[in-house]
Amino acid sequence: MFIYLMMVNHFLLFILPKFSFSIPIETALSCACIDLLEPRSMIMTLVNGGAHLDFRTRNGGLTPLHKSAIHARKEAIIVSFRS
């Protein structure tokens, strides 16, 4: 059941940029900032599609910029500041 919820979550994350699910609490933008080696194009696509840079998670209140800083993703931080 958990694997099914994870698959649905990841599917909805890339269709609806502002979608957030309770298990795990990640948005498409925060996933792009953390997981991709070169996140520039994905971040710009999501922001142009309506994703909010200041959207905070329910658990901890972290934005994608906070998560990029925690994981030391320099390019994601630079793109987040410029967009």
Protein backbone atom coordinates (compact mmCIF):
# COMPACT_ATOMS: atom_id res chain seq x y z
CA MET A 1 0.00 0.00 0.00
CA PHE A 2 2.81 2.39 0.89
CA ILE A 3 4.54 1.83 -2.46
CA TYR A 4 1.27 2.58 -4.26
CA LEU A 5 0.89 5.85 -2.31
CA MET A 6 4.47 6.81 -3.17
CA MET A 7 3.84 6.16 -6.89
CA VAL A 8 0.65 8.22 -6.86
CA ASN A 9 2.45 10.99 -4.98
CA HIS A 10 5.30 11.20 -7.51
CA PHE A 11 2.84 11.09 -10.41
CA LEU A 12 0.81 13.98 -8.99
CA LEU A 13 3.91 15.99 -8.07
CA PHE A 14 4.86 16.45 -11.71
CA ILE A 15 1.32 17.07 -12.95
CA LEU A 16 0.34 19.54 -10.23
CA PRO A 17 3.36 21.64 -9.17
CA LYS A 18 1.65 22.87 -5.97
CA PHE A 19 0.51 19.40 -4.87
CA SER A 20 1.73 18.14 -1.50
CA PHE A 21 1.03 14.75 0.04
CA SER A 22 1.48 13.79 3.67
CA ILE A 23 3.77 10.77 3.06
CA PRO A 24 6.57 11.99 2.21
CA ILE A 25 6.06 15.72 2.47
CA GLU A 26 7.75 16.94 -0.70
CA THR A 27 6.65 19.16 -3.55
CA ALA A 28 7.85 18.80 -7.12
CA LEU A 29 10.00 21.89 -6.69
CA SER A 30 11.72 20.62 -3.56
CA CYS A 31 12.31 17.24 -5.25
CA ALA A 32 13.89 19.02 -8.23
CA CYS A 33 16.11 21.10 -5.94
CA ILE A 34 17.33 18.10 -3.97
CA ASP A 35 17.42 15.15 -6.36
CA LEU A 36 18.61 16.49 -9.72
CA LEU A 37 22.27 17.09 -10.47
CA GLU A 38 21.46 19.94 -12.88
CA PRO A 39 18.13 21.31 -11.64
CA ARG A 40 18.07 24.61 -13.55
CA SER A 41 15.69 23.64 -16.36
CA MET A 42 13.31 21.71 -14.10
CA ILE A 43 13.13 24.52 -11.53
CA MET A 44 12.44 27.10 -14.23
CA THR A 45 9.76 24.86 -15.80
CA LEU A 46 8.01 24.32 -12.49
CA VAL A 47 8.15 28.01 -11.52
CA ASN A 48 6.85 29.06 -14.93
CA GLY A 49 4.09 26.45 -14.52
CA GLY A 50 2.94 28.02 -11.26
CA ALA A 51 4.99 26.43 -8.46
CA HIS A 52 5.59 28.76 -5.52
CA LEU A 53 9.17 29.25 -4.33
CA ASP A 54 7.99 30.10 -0.82
CA PHE A 55 5.68 27.09 -0.36
CA ARG A 56 6.51 25.59 3.03
CA THR A 57 6.08 21.96 4.00
CA ARG A 58 3.67 21.01 6.77
CA ASN A 59 6.32 19.22 8.76
CA GLY A 60 9.12 21.62 9.66
CA GLY A 61 8.07 24.53 7.44
CA LEU A 62 10.97 24.24 4.99
CA THR A 63 10.91 25.80 1.54
CA PRO A 64 12.75 24.33 -1.47
CA LEU A 65 15.47 26.94 -0.85
CA HIS A 66 15.94 25.67 2.71
CA LYS A 67 16.17 22.09 1.47
CA SER A 68 18.70 23.09 -1.21
CA ALA A 69 20.86 24.73 1.43
CA ILE A 70 20.63 21.72 3.77
CA HIS A 71 21.73 19.40 0.95
CA ALA A 72 24.39 21.87 -0.33
CA ARG A 73 22.88 22.19 -3.83
CA LYS A 74 24.60 25.36 -5.04
CA GLU A 75 23.01 25.53 -8.49
CA ALA A 76 19.50 25.06 -7.07
CA ILE A 77 20.12 27.92 -4.61
CA ILE A 78 21.34 30.25 -7.36
CA VAL A 79 18.39 29.44 -9.66
CA SER A 80 15.93 29.90 -6.77
CA PHE A 81 17.29 33.37 -6.03
CA ARG A 82 17.23 34.44 -9.69
CA SER A 83 13.68 33.28 -10.43
